[in-house]
Amino acid sequence: MVAKYKNSVYQPIRFNQWLKIINWQYTDVFITGYKKDQTGWLVSIEEDHQMKPVGVIEYGASPEERKAFYQVSKLLITHEDQQRIYLNPAIRPKVKFRNWTKKGLLRTPVFEEFII
């Protein structure tokens, strides 16, 4: 969605008379793993009593939240491969995202908070 002044003229570059407004959606997910280079948390939702991967969270978590996650995640490791470490789905964050893709993934998931 774009908000603009009624009398503003279109410009091919961003400027303060036209504002892009994102209609964020929110959902709760499970963290089921993370990349070994620590650039993203693998997230899934529960569907038909199974975990369905829906994306990777790369943004939104503070350094303190990341540190807490990695400390707790050590207790939840189930297995790993060359690029990822997989976890029991015990950690639940709330994420915001733009929409669902045609493949059933979260578009641009952003960490909001851990759910207790």
N, C-alpha and C. Protein backbone atom coordinates (compact mmCIF):
# COMPACT_ATOMS: atom_id res chain seq x y z
N MET A 1 0.85 -1.15 0.00
CA MET A 1 0.00 0.00 0.00
C MET A 1 0.90 1.23 0.00
N VAL A 2 0.46 2.27 -0.66
CA VAL A 2 1.22 3.51 -0.71
C VAL A 2 0.33 4.64 -0.23
N ALA A 3 0.86 5.47 0.64
CA ALA A 3 0.17 6.67 1.09
C ALA A 3 0.88 7.86 0.46
N LYS A 4 0.09 8.83 -0.02
CA LYS A 4 0.71 9.99 -0.64
C LYS A 4 -0.16 11.21 -0.42
N TYR A 5 0.45 12.37 -0.59
CA TYR A 5 -0.31 13.60 -0.57
C TYR A 5 -1.15 13.66 -1.84
N LYS A 6 -2.34 14.18 -1.73
CA LYS A 6 -3.29 14.21 -2.85
C LYS A 6 -2.71 14.92 -4.07
N ASN A 7 -1.96 15.96 -3.84
CA ASN A 7 -1.44 16.76 -4.96
C ASN A 7 0.01 16.41 -5.33
N SER A 8 0.57 15.33 -4.77
CA SER A 8 1.95 14.97 -5.08
C SER A 8 2.05 14.31 -6.46
N VAL A 9 3.20 14.48 -7.08
CA VAL A 9 3.45 13.94 -8.41
C VAL A 9 4.36 12.72 -8.28
N TYR A 10 4.12 11.71 -9.11
CA TYR A 10 4.94 10.50 -9.06
C TYR A 10 6.40 10.83 -9.35
N GLN A 11 7.30 10.22 -8.58
CA GLN A 11 8.74 10.32 -8.78
C GLN A 11 9.29 8.90 -8.91
N PRO A 12 10.22 8.64 -9.83
CA PRO A 12 10.75 7.28 -9.99
C PRO A 12 11.68 6.85 -8.85
N ILE A 13 12.01 7.76 -7.95
CA ILE A 13 12.84 7.43 -6.79
C ILE A 13 12.02 7.66 -5.52
N ARG A 14 12.46 7.07 -4.41
CA ARG A 14 11.74 7.28 -3.15
C ARG A 14 11.88 8.71 -2.68
N PHE A 15 10.78 9.25 -2.18
CA PHE A 15 10.84 10.56 -1.56
C PHE A 15 9.72 10.67 -0.55
N ASN A 16 9.77 11.69 0.31
CA ASN A 16 8.90 11.74 1.47
C ASN A 16 7.43 12.05 1.19
N GLN A 17 7.06 12.30 -0.05
CA GLN A 17 5.65 12.55 -0.36
C GLN A 17 4.87 11.26 -0.63
N TRP A 18 5.57 10.17 -0.88
CA TRP A 18 4.95 8.87 -1.09
C TRP A 18 5.53 7.92 -0.06
N LEU A 19 4.69 7.27 0.74
CA LEU A 19 5.16 6.36 1.77
C LEU A 19 4.65 4.95 1.51
N LYS A 20 5.57 3.99 1.51
CA LYS A 20 5.20 2.59 1.35
C LYS A 20 4.79 2.05 2.73
N ILE A 21 3.60 1.48 2.81
CA ILE A 21 3.09 0.94 4.06
C ILE A 21 2.90 -0.57 3.89
N ILE A 22 3.56 -1.33 4.74
CA ILE A 22 3.47 -2.79 4.65
C ILE A 22 2.41 -3.27 5.63
N ASN A 23 1.49 -4.07 5.15
CA ASN A 23 0.46 -4.67 5.98
C ASN A 23 1.00 -5.98 6.55
N TRP A 24 1.75 -5.89 7.65
CA TRP A 24 2.36 -7.07 8.24
C TRP A 24 1.29 -8.01 8.79
N GLN A 25 1.55 -9.30 8.66
CA GLN A 25 0.75 -10.34 9.28
C GLN A 25 1.60 -10.97 10.38
N TYR A 26 0.97 -11.63 11.33
CA TYR A 26 1.69 -12.21 12.46
C TYR A 26 1.28 -13.67 12.64
N THR A 27 2.24 -14.49 13.05
CA THR A 27 1.96 -15.88 13.36
C THR A 27 2.99 -16.40 14.35
N ASP A 28 2.65 -17.51 15.00
CA ASP A 28 3.58 -18.18 15.91
C ASP A 28 4.17 -19.37 15.17
N VAL A 29 5.46 -19.60 15.33
CA VAL A 29 6.15 -20.69 14.66
C VAL A 29 7.00 -21.44 15.67
N PHE A 30 7.61 -22.53 15.24
CA PHE A 30 8.57 -23.29 16.03
C PHE A 30 9.94 -23.13 15.38
N ILE A 31 10.98 -22.96 16.18
CA ILE A 31 12.34 -22.96 15.64
C ILE A 31 12.79 -24.42 15.61
N THR A 32 13.08 -24.92 14.42
CA THR A 32 13.44 -26.33 14.25
C THR A 32 14.90 -26.52 13.86
N GLY A 33 15.66 -25.43 13.85
CA GLY A 33 17.08 -25.53 13.54
C GLY A 33 17.66 -24.17 13.26
N TYR A 34 18.93 -24.17 12.91
CA TYR A 34 19.59 -22.92 12.53
C TYR A 34 20.77 -23.22 11.62
N LYS A 35 21.15 -22.21 10.87
CA LYS A 35 22.30 -22.34 9.97
C LYS A 35 23.57 -22.29 10.81
N LYS A 36 24.55 -23.08 10.44
CA LYS A 36 25.80 -23.13 11.21
C LYS A 36 26.55 -21.81 11.20
N ASP A 37 26.38 -21.02 10.14
CA ASP A 37 27.04 -19.72 10.12
C ASP A 37 26.26 -18.68 10.94
N GLN A 38 25.20 -19.13 11.62
CA GLN A 38 24.37 -18.33 12.51
C GLN A 38 23.73 -17.13 11.82
N THR A 39 23.35 -17.29 10.56
CA THR A 39 22.67 -16.20 9.86
C THR A 39 21.16 -16.38 9.83
N GLY A 40 20.65 -17.50 10.30
CA GLY A 40 19.20 -17.67 10.25
C GLY A 40 18.70 -18.84 11.07
N TRP A 41 17.48 -18.68 11.59
CA TRP A 41 16.80 -19.72 12.34
C TRP A 41 15.78 -20.37 11.42
N LEU A 42 15.79 -21.68 11.33
CA LEU A 42 14.84 -22.42 10.51
C LEU A 42 13.53 -22.53 11.28
N VAL A 43 12.42 -22.17 10.64
CA VAL A 43 11.14 -22.19 11.34
C VAL A 43 10.13 -23.05 10.62
N SER A 44 9.23 -23.62 11.43
CA SER A 44 8.19 -24.51 10.92
C SER A 44 6.89 -24.22 11.64
N ILE A 45 5.80 -24.71 11.05
CA ILE A 45 4.51 -24.70 11.71
C ILE A 45 4.04 -26.14 11.84
N GLU A 46 3.16 -26.39 12.79
CA GLU A 46 2.62 -27.75 12.93
C GLU A 46 1.42 -27.89 12.01
N GLU A 47 1.47 -28.91 11.17
CA GLU A 47 0.39 -29.17 10.23
C GLU A 47 0.16 -30.68 10.17
N ASP A 48 -1.03 -31.13 10.48
CA ASP A 48 -1.36 -32.56 10.50
C ASP A 48 -0.40 -33.35 11.39
N HIS A 49 -0.10 -32.81 12.57
CA HIS A 49 0.77 -33.44 13.57
C HIS A 49 2.21 -33.62 13.09
N GLN A 50 2.62 -32.85 12.09
CA GLN A 50 4.01 -32.87 11.62
C GLN A 50 4.50 -31.44 11.45
N MET A 51 5.82 -31.29 11.51
CA MET A 51 6.42 -29.98 11.32
C MET A 51 6.60 -29.70 9.83
N LYS A 52 6.05 -28.59 9.37
CA LYS A 52 6.19 -28.18 7.98
C LYS A 52 7.09 -26.95 7.93
N PRO A 53 8.27 -27.03 7.27
CA PRO A 53 9.16 -25.87 7.17
C PRO A 53 8.48 -24.72 6.42
N VAL A 54 8.60 -23.50 6.98
CA VAL A 54 7.96 -22.35 6.36
C VAL A 54 8.91 -21.17 6.13
N GLY A 55 10.20 -21.32 6.47
CA GLY A 55 11.10 -20.22 6.18
C GLY A 55 12.29 -20.14 7.11
N VAL A 56 12.99 -19.03 7.01
CA VAL A 56 14.18 -18.76 7.80
C VAL A 56 14.09 -17.34 8.35
N ILE A 57 14.21 -17.19 9.66
CA ILE A 57 14.22 -15.87 10.29
C ILE A 57 15.66 -15.37 10.29
N GLU A 58 15.87 -14.22 9.66
CA GLU A 58 17.21 -13.63 9.64
C GLU A 58 17.26 -12.26 10.31
N TYR A 59 16.10 -11.67 10.57
CA TYR A 59 16.06 -10.30 11.09
C TYR A 59 15.19 -10.19 12.33
N GLY A 60 15.44 -9.15 13.11
CA GLY A 60 14.57 -8.79 14.21
C GLY A 60 15.06 -9.13 15.60
N ALA A 61 15.85 -10.18 15.75
CA ALA A 61 16.30 -10.58 17.09
C ALA A 61 17.48 -9.71 17.53
N SER A 62 17.42 -9.28 18.78
CA SER A 62 18.52 -8.48 19.34
C SER A 62 19.69 -9.40 19.66
N PRO A 63 20.88 -8.84 19.89
CA PRO A 63 22.02 -9.67 20.28
C PRO A 63 21.75 -10.47 21.56
N GLU A 64 21.02 -9.89 22.51
CA GLU A 64 20.70 -10.59 23.75
C GLU A 64 19.76 -11.77 23.49
N GLU A 65 18.77 -11.57 22.61
CA GLU A 65 17.84 -12.65 22.28
C GLU A 65 18.55 -13.77 21.53
N ARG A 66 19.46 -13.42 20.64
CA ARG A 66 20.24 -14.42 19.91
C ARG A 66 21.11 -15.23 20.88
N LYS A 67 21.76 -14.54 21.80
CA LYS A 67 22.62 -15.21 22.77
C LYS A 67 21.80 -16.19 23.61
N ALA A 68 20.64 -15.76 24.08
CA ALA A 68 19.77 -16.63 24.88
C ALA A 68 19.33 -17.84 24.06
N PHE A 69 18.99 -17.60 22.80
CA PHE A 69 18.57 -18.71 21.94
C PHE A 69 19.67 -19.75 21.80
N TYR A 70 20.88 -19.32 21.48
CA TYR A 70 21.97 -20.27 21.26
C TYR A 70 22.34 -21.02 22.54
N GLN A 71 22.18 -20.41 23.69
CA GLN A 71 22.44 -21.12 24.95
C GLN A 71 21.42 -22.23 25.17
N VAL A 72 20.15 -21.93 24.96
CA VAL A 72 19.09 -22.92 25.16
C VAL A 72 19.12 -23.99 24.07
N SER A 73 19.44 -23.59 22.85
CA SER A 73 19.38 -24.53 21.72
C SER A 73 20.36 -25.68 21.86
N LYS A 74 21.43 -25.51 22.61
CA LYS A 74 22.41 -26.58 22.82
C LYS A 74 21.76 -27.83 23.44
N LEU A 75 20.71 -27.61 24.22
CA LEU A 75 20.03 -28.72 24.89
C LEU A 75 19.01 -29.41 23.98
N LEU A 76 18.72 -28.83 22.82
CA LEU A 76 17.65 -29.32 21.95
C LEU A 76 18.13 -29.95 20.65
N ILE A 77 19.44 -30.06 20.46
CA ILE A 77 19.99 -30.56 19.19
C ILE A 77 19.61 -32.02 18.97
N THR A 78 19.09 -32.30 17.76
CA THR A 78 18.74 -33.67 17.40
C THR A 78 19.74 -34.26 16.41
N HIS A 79 20.16 -33.47 15.44
CA HIS A 79 21.17 -33.90 14.47
C HIS A 79 21.64 -32.68 13.68
N GLU A 80 22.63 -32.92 12.81
CA GLU A 80 23.16 -31.83 11.99
C GLU A 80 23.68 -32.35 10.67
N ASP A 81 23.81 -31.44 9.71
CA ASP A 81 24.46 -31.75 8.45
C ASP A 81 25.56 -30.71 8.23
N GLN A 82 26.05 -30.58 7.03
CA GLN A 82 27.17 -29.66 6.78
C GLN A 82 26.79 -28.20 7.00
N GLN A 83 25.53 -27.84 6.76
CA GLN A 83 25.14 -26.44 6.81
C GLN A 83 24.22 -26.07 7.97
N ARG A 84 23.53 -27.06 8.55
CA ARG A 84 22.51 -26.75 9.53
C ARG A 84 22.58 -27.65 10.76
N ILE A 85 22.06 -27.11 11.85
CA ILE A 85 21.87 -27.88 13.08
C ILE A 85 20.36 -27.92 13.33
N TYR A 86 19.83 -29.12 13.58
CA TYR A 86 18.39 -29.30 13.75
C TYR A 86 18.05 -29.48 15.22
N LEU A 87 16.88 -28.96 15.62
CA LEU A 87 16.47 -28.94 17.02
C LEU A 87 15.10 -29.56 17.21
N ASN A 88 14.86 -30.05 18.44
CA ASN A 88 13.50 -30.38 18.82
C ASN A 88 12.70 -29.08 18.79
N PRO A 89 11.47 -29.10 18.31
CA PRO A 89 10.69 -27.86 18.19
C PRO A 89 10.10 -27.41 19.53
N ALA A 90 10.95 -26.90 20.42
CA ALA A 90 10.50 -26.48 21.74
C ALA A 90 10.50 -24.97 21.91
N ILE A 91 11.18 -24.25 21.05
CA ILE A 91 11.27 -22.79 21.16
C ILE A 91 10.28 -22.18 20.17
N ARG A 92 9.41 -21.31 20.69
CA ARG A 92 8.36 -20.71 19.86
C ARG A 92 8.50 -19.20 19.84
N PRO A 93 8.75 -18.62 18.68
CA PRO A 93 8.69 -17.17 18.56
C PRO A 93 7.45 -16.73 17.79
N LYS A 94 7.10 -15.48 18.01
CA LYS A 94 6.09 -14.82 17.17
C LYS A 94 6.88 -14.11 16.08
N VAL A 95 6.41 -14.21 14.85
CA VAL A 95 7.07 -13.52 13.74
C VAL A 95 6.06 -12.65 13.00
N LYS A 96 6.58 -11.61 12.38
CA LYS A 96 5.75 -10.85 11.44
C LYS A 96 6.29 -11.15 10.05
N PHE A 97 5.39 -11.11 9.07
CA PHE A 97 5.79 -11.43 7.70
C PHE A 97 4.86 -10.71 6.75
N ARG A 98 5.31 -10.56 5.50
CA ARG A 98 4.50 -9.81 4.53
C ARG A 98 3.28 -10.59 4.06
N ASN A 99 3.48 -11.85 3.69
CA ASN A 99 2.39 -12.72 3.24
C ASN A 99 2.95 -14.12 3.04
N TRP A 100 2.08 -15.04 2.64
CA TRP A 100 2.50 -16.41 2.33
C TRP A 100 2.83 -16.48 0.84
N THR A 101 3.92 -17.17 0.50
CA THR A 101 4.25 -17.36 -0.91
C THR A 101 3.39 -18.48 -1.49
N LYS A 102 3.44 -18.63 -2.80
CA LYS A 102 2.70 -19.72 -3.46
C LYS A 102 3.19 -21.09 -3.00
N LYS A 103 4.44 -21.17 -2.57
CA LYS A 103 5.01 -22.43 -2.09
C LYS A 103 4.73 -22.69 -0.61
N GLY A 104 3.97 -21.80 0.02
CA GLY A 104 3.61 -21.99 1.42
C GLY A 104 4.66 -21.55 2.40
N LEU A 105 5.52 -20.61 1.99
CA LEU A 105 6.56 -20.09 2.88
C LEU A 105 6.20 -18.69 3.35
N LEU A 106 6.80 -18.28 4.47
CA LEU A 106 6.63 -16.92 4.96
C LEU A 106 7.49 -15.98 4.12
N ARG A 107 6.91 -14.91 3.63
CA ARG A 107 7.70 -13.92 2.89
C ARG A 107 8.25 -12.90 3.89
N THR A 108 9.57 -12.80 3.94
CA THR A 108 10.29 -11.87 4.80
C THR A 108 9.90 -12.00 6.28
N PRO A 109 10.11 -13.18 6.88
CA PRO A 109 9.78 -13.32 8.30
C PRO A 109 10.76 -12.53 9.18
N VAL A 110 10.20 -11.84 10.17
CA VAL A 110 10.99 -11.02 11.09
C VAL A 110 10.62 -11.42 12.51
N PHE A 111 11.63 -11.74 13.31
CA PHE A 111 11.41 -12.10 14.72
C PHE A 111 10.76 -10.94 15.47
N GLU A 112 9.74 -11.26 16.28
CA GLU A 112 9.09 -10.27 17.13
C GLU A 112 9.42 -10.51 18.59
N GLU A 113 9.14 -11.73 19.08
CA GLU A 113 9.39 -12.07 20.47
C GLU A 113 9.29 -13.56 20.69
N PHE A 114 9.90 -14.02 21.78
CA PHE A 114 9.75 -15.43 22.16
C PHE A 114 8.42 -15.57 22.89
N ILE A 115 7.75 -16.70 22.68
CA ILE A 115 6.50 -17.00 23.38
C ILE A 115 6.84 -17.93 24.54
N ILE A 116 6.38 -17.60 25.68
CA ILE A 116 6.69 -18.40 26.88
C ILE A 116 5.59 -19.40 27.12
